[in-house]
PDB file of N, CA and C in Angstrom:
ATOM      1  N   MET A   1       9.609  -2.095 -27.097  1.00  0.00           N
ATOM      2  CA  MET A   1       8.878  -1.456 -26.027  1.00  0.00           C
ATOM      3  C   MET A   1       9.390  -1.978 -24.688  1.00  0.00           C
ATOM      4  N   THR A   2       9.706  -1.090 -23.781  1.00  0.00           N
ATOM      5  CA  THR A   2      10.237  -1.461 -22.479  1.00  0.00           C
ATOM      6  C   THR A   2       9.148  -1.348 -21.434  1.00  0.00           C
ATOM      7  N   ASP A   3       9.016  -2.401 -20.636  1.00  0.00           N
ATOM      8  CA  ASP A   3       8.060  -2.362 -19.532  1.00  0.00           C
ATOM      9  C   ASP A   3       8.714  -1.664 -18.358  1.00  0.00           C
ATOM     10  N   THR A   4       8.144  -0.538 -17.960  1.00  0.00           N
ATOM     11  CA  THR A   4       8.652   0.187 -16.815  1.00  0.00           C
ATOM     12  C   THR A   4       7.982  -0.369 -15.571  1.00  0.00           C
ATOM     13  N   PRO A   5       8.764  -0.772 -14.586  1.00  0.00           N
ATOM     14  CA  PRO A   5       8.150  -1.307 -13.371  1.00  0.00           C
ATOM     15  C   PRO A   5       7.316  -0.233 -12.669  1.00  0.00           C
ATOM     16  N   LEU A   6       6.273  -0.679 -12.010  1.00  0.00           N
ATOM     17  CA  LEU A   6       5.427   0.228 -11.250  1.00  0.00           C
ATOM     18  C   LEU A   6       6.177   0.725 -10.021  1.00  0.00           C
ATOM     19  N   THR A   7       5.898   1.952  -9.629  1.00  0.00           N
ATOM     20  CA  THR A   7       6.422   2.447  -8.362  1.00  0.00           C
ATOM     21  C   THR A   7       5.683   1.721  -7.244  1.00  0.00           C
ATOM     22  N   HIS A   8       6.178   1.807  -6.034  1.00  0.00           N
ATOM     23  CA  HIS A   8       5.497   1.165  -4.908  1.00  0.00           C
ATOM     24  C   HIS A   8       4.069   1.679  -4.740  1.00  0.00           C
ATOM     25  N   PRO A   9       3.843   3.008  -4.789  1.00  0.00           N
ATOM     26  CA  PRO A   9       2.459   3.476  -4.660  1.00  0.00           C
ATOM     27  C   PRO A   9       1.561   2.973  -5.794  1.00  0.00           C
ATOM     28  N   GLN A  10       2.089   2.921  -7.015  1.00  0.00           N
ATOM     29  CA  GLN A  10       1.293   2.444  -8.143  1.00  0.00           C
ATOM     30  C   GLN A  10       0.940   0.965  -7.968  1.00  0.00           C
ATOM     31  N   ALA A  11       1.915   0.179  -7.545  1.00  0.00           N
ATOM     32  CA  ALA A  11       1.676  -1.253  -7.354  1.00  0.00           C
ATOM     33  C   ALA A  11       0.655  -1.483  -6.246  1.00  0.00           C
ATOM     34  N   LEU A  12       0.804  -0.759  -5.140  1.00  0.00           N
ATOM     35  CA  LEU A  12      -0.131  -0.924  -4.032  1.00  0.00           C
ATOM     36  C   LEU A  12      -1.521  -0.455  -4.434  1.00  0.00           C
ATOM     37  N   ALA A  13      -1.609   0.650  -5.158  1.00  0.00           N
ATOM     38  CA  ALA A  13      -2.915   1.151  -5.614  1.00  0.00           C
ATOM     39  C   ALA A  13      -3.607   0.122  -6.499  1.00  0.00           C
ATOM     40  N   ALA A  14      -2.869  -0.508  -7.397  1.00  0.00           N
ATOM     41  CA  ALA A  14      -3.452  -1.501  -8.294  1.00  0.00           C
ATOM     42  C   ALA A  14      -4.016  -2.684  -7.515  1.00  0.00           C
ATOM     43  N   VAL A  15      -3.278  -3.141  -6.521  1.00  0.00           N
ATOM     44  CA  VAL A  15      -3.735  -4.279  -5.721  1.00  0.00           C
ATOM     45  C   VAL A  15      -4.958  -3.896  -4.888  1.00  0.00           C
ATOM     46  N   ILE A  16      -4.924  -2.720  -4.282  1.00  0.00           N
ATOM     47  CA  ILE A  16      -6.051  -2.268  -3.466  1.00  0.00           C
ATOM     48  C   ILE A  16      -7.305  -2.142  -4.324  1.00  0.00           C
ATOM     49  N   GLN A  17      -7.165  -1.577  -5.521  1.00  0.00           N
ATOM     50  CA  GLN A  17      -8.316  -1.436  -6.404  1.00  0.00           C
ATOM     51  C   GLN A  17      -8.847  -2.793  -6.848  1.00  0.00           C
ATOM     52  N   ALA A  18      -7.954  -3.740  -7.075  1.00  0.00           N
ATOM     53  CA  ALA A  18      -8.370  -5.062  -7.533  1.00  0.00           C
ATOM     54  C   ALA A  18      -9.040  -5.873  -6.426  1.00  0.00           C
ATOM     55  N   LEU A  19      -8.514  -5.775  -5.209  1.00  0.00           N
ATOM     56  CA  LEU A  19      -9.004  -6.624  -4.125  1.00  0.00           C
ATOM     57  C   LEU A  19     -10.012  -5.957  -3.207  1.00  0.00           C
ATOM     58  N   GLY A  20      -9.946  -4.629  -3.094  1.00  0.00           N
ATOM     59  CA  GLY A  20     -10.846  -3.917  -2.195  1.00  0.00           C
ATOM     60  C   GLY A  20     -10.613  -4.331  -0.751  1.00  0.00           C
ATOM     61  N   GLY A  21     -11.629  -4.185   0.067  1.00  0.00           N
ATOM     62  CA  GLY A  21     -11.518  -4.560   1.466  1.00  0.00           C
ATOM     63  C   GLY A  21     -10.783  -3.524   2.289  1.00  0.00           C
ATOM     64  N   THR A  22     -10.364  -3.939   3.457  1.00  0.00           N
ATOM     65  CA  THR A  22      -9.634  -3.040   4.342  1.00  0.00           C
ATOM     66  C   THR A  22      -8.141  -3.352   4.249  1.00  0.00           C
ATOM     67  N   TRP A  23      -7.349  -2.309   4.479  1.00  0.00           N
ATOM     68  CA  TRP A  23      -5.905  -2.415   4.321  1.00  0.00           C
ATOM     69  C   TRP A  23      -5.201  -1.861   5.545  1.00  0.00           C
ATOM     70  N   ASP A  24      -4.366  -2.704   6.138  1.00  0.00           N
ATOM     71  CA  ASP A  24      -3.526  -2.279   7.242  1.00  0.00           C
ATOM     72  C   ASP A  24      -2.074  -2.458   6.813  1.00  0.00           C
ATOM     73  N   THR A  25      -1.164  -2.169   7.704  1.00  0.00           N
ATOM     74  CA  THR A  25       0.258  -2.242   7.373  1.00  0.00           C
ATOM     75  C   THR A  25       0.652  -3.628   6.891  1.00  0.00           C
ATOM     76  N   GLN A  26       0.228  -4.662   7.596  1.00  0.00           N
ATOM     77  CA  GLN A  26       0.653  -6.020   7.237  1.00  0.00           C
ATOM     78  C   GLN A  26       0.157  -6.444   5.863  1.00  0.00           C
ATOM     79  N   ARG A  27      -1.080  -6.099   5.546  1.00  0.00           N
ATOM     80  CA  ARG A  27      -1.625  -6.460   4.231  1.00  0.00           C
ATOM     81  C   ARG A  27      -0.891  -5.683   3.138  1.00  0.00           C
ATOM     82  N   ALA A  28      -0.567  -4.433   3.402  1.00  0.00           N
ATOM     83  CA  ALA A  28       0.162  -3.624   2.427  1.00  0.00           C
ATOM     84  C   ALA A  28       1.582  -4.158   2.224  1.00  0.00           C
ATOM     85  N   VAL A  29       2.232  -4.594   3.292  1.00  0.00           N
ATOM     86  CA  VAL A  29       3.568  -5.193   3.173  1.00  0.00           C
ATOM     87  C   VAL A  29       3.507  -6.408   2.253  1.00  0.00           C
ATOM     88  N   LEU A  30       2.527  -7.263   2.463  1.00  0.00           N
ATOM     89  CA  LEU A  30       2.385  -8.460   1.633  1.00  0.00           C
ATOM     90  C   LEU A  30       2.156  -8.082   0.171  1.00  0.00           C
ATOM     91  N   ALA A  31       1.289  -7.102  -0.081  1.00  0.00           N
ATOM     92  CA  ALA A  31       1.017  -6.673  -1.453  1.00  0.00           C
ATOM     93  C   ALA A  31       2.281  -6.127  -2.114  1.00  0.00           C
ATOM     94  N   LEU A  32       3.063  -5.354  -1.379  1.00  0.00           N
ATOM     95  CA  LEU A  32       4.303  -4.825  -1.942  1.00  0.00           C
ATOM     96  C   LEU A  32       5.303  -5.941  -2.226  1.00  0.00           C
ATOM     97  N   ARG A  33       5.355  -6.935  -1.374  1.00  0.00           N
ATOM     98  CA  ARG A  33       6.263  -8.072  -1.618  1.00  0.00           C
ATOM     99  C   ARG A  33       5.861  -8.824  -2.878  1.00  0.00           C
ATOM    100  N   VAL A  34       4.557  -9.026  -3.049  1.00  0.00           N
ATOM    101  CA  VAL A  34       4.067  -9.701  -4.254  1.00  0.00           C
ATOM    102  C   VAL A  34       4.433  -8.891  -5.497  1.00  0.00           C
ATOM    103  N   ALA A  35       4.456  -7.569  -5.360  1.00  0.00           N
ATOM    104  CA  ALA A  35       4.810  -6.690  -6.479  1.00  0.00           C
ATOM    105  C   ALA A  35       6.320  -6.618  -6.715  1.00  0.00           C
ATOM    106  N   GLY A  36       7.106  -7.293  -5.873  1.00  0.00           N
ATOM    107  CA  GLY A  36       8.543  -7.355  -6.093  1.00  0.00           C
ATOM    108  C   GLY A  36       9.406  -6.580  -5.120  1.00  0.00           C
ATOM    109  N   TYR A  37       8.802  -5.890  -4.153  1.00  0.00           N
ATOM    110  CA  TYR A  37       9.583  -5.133  -3.172  1.00  0.00           C
ATOM    111  C   TYR A  37      10.101  -6.082  -2.104  1.00  0.00           C
ATOM    112  N   GLU A  38      11.408  -6.092  -1.910  1.00  0.00           N
ATOM    113  CA  GLU A  38      12.035  -6.917  -0.881  1.00  0.00           C
ATOM    114  C   GLU A  38      12.715  -6.008   0.134  1.00  0.00           C
ATOM    115  N   PRO A  39      12.051  -5.750   1.252  1.00  0.00           N
ATOM    116  CA  PRO A  39      12.654  -4.868   2.257  1.00  0.00           C
ATOM    117  C   PRO A  39      13.871  -5.515   2.907  1.00  0.00           C
ATOM    118  N   SER A  40      14.722  -4.665   3.457  1.00  0.00           N
ATOM    119  CA  SER A  40      15.923  -5.177   4.121  1.00  0.00           C
ATOM    120  C   SER A  40      15.578  -5.911   5.416  1.00  0.00           C
ATOM    121  N   ASP A  41      14.478  -5.504   6.051  1.00  0.00           N
ATOM    122  CA  ASP A  41      13.998  -6.199   7.246  1.00  0.00           C
ATOM    123  C   ASP A  41      12.516  -5.869   7.439  1.00  0.00           C
ATOM    124  N   GLU A  42      11.914  -6.467   8.448  1.00  0.00           N
ATOM    125  CA  GLU A  42      10.488  -6.292   8.685  1.00  0.00           C
ATOM    126  C   GLU A  42      10.130  -4.827   8.951  1.00  0.00           C
ATOM    127  N   ARG A  43      10.946  -4.163   9.738  1.00  0.00           N
ATOM    128  CA  ARG A  43      10.681  -2.759  10.073  1.00  0.00           C
ATOM    129  C   ARG A  43      10.685  -1.878   8.828  1.00  0.00           C
ATOM    130  N   ALA A  44      11.642  -2.101   7.940  1.00  0.00           N
ATOM    131  CA  ALA A  44      11.718  -1.326   6.701  1.00  0.00           C
ATOM    132  C   ALA A  44      10.489  -1.575   5.826  1.00  0.00           C
ATOM    133  N   GLY A  45      10.038  -2.823   5.774  1.00  0.00           N
ATOM    134  CA  GLY A  45       8.841  -3.149   5.002  1.00  0.00           C
ATOM    135  C   GLY A  45       7.609  -2.464   5.545  1.00  0.00           C
ATOM    136  N   GLU A  46       7.476  -2.450   6.858  1.00  0.00           N
ATOM    137  CA  GLU A  46       6.323  -1.808   7.482  1.00  0.00           C
ATOM    138  C   GLU A  46       6.364  -0.296   7.271  1.00  0.00           C
ATOM    139  N   LYS A  47       7.540   0.292   7.364  1.00  0.00           N
ATOM    140  CA  LYS A  47       7.687   1.733   7.169  1.00  0.00           C
ATOM    141  C   LYS A  47       7.302   2.116   5.737  1.00  0.00           C
ATOM    142  N   GLU A  48       7.770   1.342   4.766  1.00  0.00           N
ATOM    143  CA  GLU A  48       7.439   1.609   3.366  1.00  0.00           C
ATOM    144  C   GLU A  48       5.944   1.434   3.114  1.00  0.00           C
ATOM    145  N   ALA A  49       5.347   0.416   3.705  1.00  0.00           N
ATOM    146  CA  ALA A  49       3.907   0.181   3.536  1.00  0.00           C
ATOM    147  C   ALA A  49       3.106   1.346   4.109  1.00  0.00           C
ATOM    148  N   ARG A  50       3.452   1.792   5.309  1.00  0.00           N
ATOM    149  CA  ARG A  50       2.737   2.920   5.925  1.00  0.00           C
ATOM    150  C   ARG A  50       2.889   4.192   5.101  1.00  0.00           C
ATOM    151  N   ARG A  51       4.085   4.427   4.593  1.00  0.00           N
ATOM    152  CA  ARG A  51       4.332   5.614   3.768  1.00  0.00           C
ATOM    153  C   ARG A  51       3.447   5.594   2.525  1.00  0.00           C
ATOM    154  N   ASN A  52       3.347   4.440   1.902  1.00  0.00           N
ATOM    155  CA  ASN A  52       2.535   4.318   0.702  1.00  0.00           C
ATOM    156  C   ASN A  52       1.043   4.405   1.001  1.00  0.00           C
ATOM    157  N   LEU A  53       0.611   3.839   2.108  1.00  0.00           N
ATOM    158  CA  LEU A  53      -0.804   3.966   2.491  1.00  0.00           C
ATOM    159  C   LEU A  53      -1.157   5.435   2.723  1.00  0.00           C
ATOM    160  N   ARG A  54      -0.299   6.162   3.420  1.00  0.00           N
ATOM    161  CA  ARG A  54      -0.557   7.592   3.652  1.00  0.00           C
ATOM    162  C   ARG A  54      -0.593   8.366   2.340  1.00  0.00           C
ATOM    163  N   LEU A  55       0.315   8.046   1.435  1.00  0.00           N
ATOM    164  CA  LEU A  55       0.359   8.722   0.140  1.00  0.00           C
ATOM    165  C   LEU A  55      -0.925   8.473  -0.649  1.00  0.00           C
ATOM    166  N   LEU A  56      -1.387   7.234  -0.662  1.00  0.00           N
ATOM    167  CA  LEU A  56      -2.623   6.914  -1.380  1.00  0.00           C
ATOM    168  C   LEU A  56      -3.820   7.596  -0.736  1.00  0.00           C
ATOM    169  N   ALA A  57      -3.796   7.752   0.579  1.00  0.00           N
ATOM    170  CA  ALA A  57      -4.876   8.469   1.270  1.00  0.00           C
ATOM    171  C   ALA A  57      -4.826   9.955   0.914  1.00  0.00           C
ATOM    172  N   GLU A  58      -3.649  10.533   0.863  1.00  0.00           N
ATOM    173  CA  GLU A  58      -3.504  11.943   0.485  1.00  0.00           C
ATOM    174  C   GLU A  58      -4.007  12.182  -0.934  1.00  0.00           C
ATOM    175  N   ASN A  59      -3.836  11.189  -1.798  1.00  0.00           N
ATOM    176  CA  ASN A  59      -4.269  11.301  -3.189  1.00  0.00           C
ATOM    177  C   ASN A  59      -5.737  10.935  -3.379  1.00  0.00           C
ATOM    178  N   GLY A  60      -6.413  10.528  -2.300  1.00  0.00           N
ATOM    179  CA  GLY A  60      -7.846  10.278  -2.364  1.00  0.00           C
ATOM    180  C   GLY A  60      -8.278   8.895  -2.806  1.00  0.00           C
ATOM    181  N   LEU A  61      -7.345   7.975  -3.010  1.00  0.00           N
ATOM    182  CA  LEU A  61      -7.719   6.623  -3.426  1.00  0.00           C
ATOM    183  C   LEU A  61      -8.321   5.837  -2.268  1.00  0.00           C
ATOM    184  N   ILE A  62      -7.754   6.004  -1.081  1.00  0.00           N
ATOM    185  CA  ILE A  62      -8.231   5.296   0.098  1.00  0.00           C
ATOM    186  C   ILE A  62      -8.537   6.304   1.204  1.00  0.00           C
ATOM    187  N   VAL A  63      -9.318   5.868   2.156  1.00  0.00           N
ATOM    188  CA  VAL A  63      -9.649   6.705   3.306  1.00  0.00           C
ATOM    189  C   VAL A  63      -9.404   5.916   4.581  1.00  0.00           C
ATOM    190  N   ARG A  64      -9.214   6.651   5.647  1.00  0.00           N
ATOM    191  CA  ARG A  64      -8.997   6.065   6.973  1.00  0.00           C
ATOM    192  C   ARG A  64     -10.232   6.409   7.805  1.00  0.00           C
ATOM    193  N   PRO A  65     -11.232   5.511   7.851  1.00  0.00           N
ATOM    194  CA  PRO A  65     -12.496   5.835   8.501  1.00  0.00           C
ATOM    195  C   PRO A  65     -12.383   6.124   9.992  1.00  0.00           C
ATOM    196  N   ASP A  66     -11.463   5.474  10.674  1.00  0.00           N
ATOM    197  CA  ASP A  66     -11.301   5.665  12.113  1.00  0.00           C
ATOM    198  C   ASP A  66      -9.913   6.248  12.369  1.00  0.00           C
ATOM    199  N   PRO A  67      -9.839   7.513  12.806  1.00  0.00           N
ATOM    200  CA  PRO A  67      -8.523   8.128  13.007  1.00  0.00           C
ATOM    201  C   PRO A  67      -7.685   7.464  14.098  1.00  0.00           C
ATOM    202  N   ASP A  68      -8.292   6.605  14.899  1.00  0.00           N
ATOM    203  CA  ASP A  68      -7.557   5.917  15.952  1.00  0.00           C
ATOM    204  C   ASP A  68      -6.958   4.584  15.484  1.00  0.00           C
ATOM    205  N   GLN A  69      -7.252   4.200  14.242  1.00  0.00           N
ATOM    206  CA  GLN A  69      -6.734   2.938  13.693  1.00  0.00           C
ATOM    207  C   GLN A  69      -6.084   3.203  12.346  1.00  0.00           C
ATOM    208  N   ALA A  70      -4.981   2.561  12.097  1.00  0.00           N
ATOM    209  CA  ALA A  70      -4.286   2.685  10.824  1.00  0.00           C
ATOM    210  C   ALA A  70      -4.812   1.637   9.841  1.00  0.00           C
ATOM    211  N   VAL A  71      -6.098   1.740   9.566  1.00  0.00           N
ATOM    212  CA  VAL A  71      -6.775   0.825   8.641  1.00  0.00           C
ATOM    213  C   VAL A  71      -7.478   1.683   7.591  1.00  0.00           C
ATOM    214  N   TYR A  72      -7.299   1.315   6.336  1.00  0.00           N
ATOM    215  CA  TYR A  72      -7.832   2.088   5.224  1.00  0.00           C
ATOM    216  C   TYR A  72      -8.785   1.240   4.400  1.00  0.00           C
ATOM    217  N   ARG A  73      -9.603   1.927   3.598  1.00  0.00           N
ATOM    218  CA  ARG A  73     -10.488   1.272   2.626  1.00  0.00           C
ATOM    219  C   ARG A  73     -10.579   2.171   1.404  1.00  0.00           C
ATOM    220  N   LEU A  74     -11.080   1.622   0.308  1.00  0.00           N
ATOM    221  CA  LEU A  74     -11.259   2.437  -0.902  1.00  0.00           C
ATOM    222  C   LEU A  74     -12.160   3.617  -0.611  1.00  0.00           C
ATOM    223  N   ALA A  75     -11.858   4.735  -1.219  1.00  0.00           N
ATOM    224  CA  ALA A  75     -12.664   5.948  -1.040  1.00  0.00           C
ATOM    225  C   ALA A  75     -13.990   5.810  -1.772  1.00  0.00           C
TER     226      ALA A  75
END
């Protein structure tokens, strides 16, 4: 049996579900790093984190309560 690594959205979703709380770009970057993602630089890490946060919001796992802040929480 081969263990297939989680995609970035799957890994971030698992961490968000386990820890709850609020999630911003920096917290998402840290969670992705713990899951094994090593960005080429800080900007790339932040871009990937934001992309994944938006994807999880589109899928209904998290919500952005304040449209003026890029902070999410579990739906």
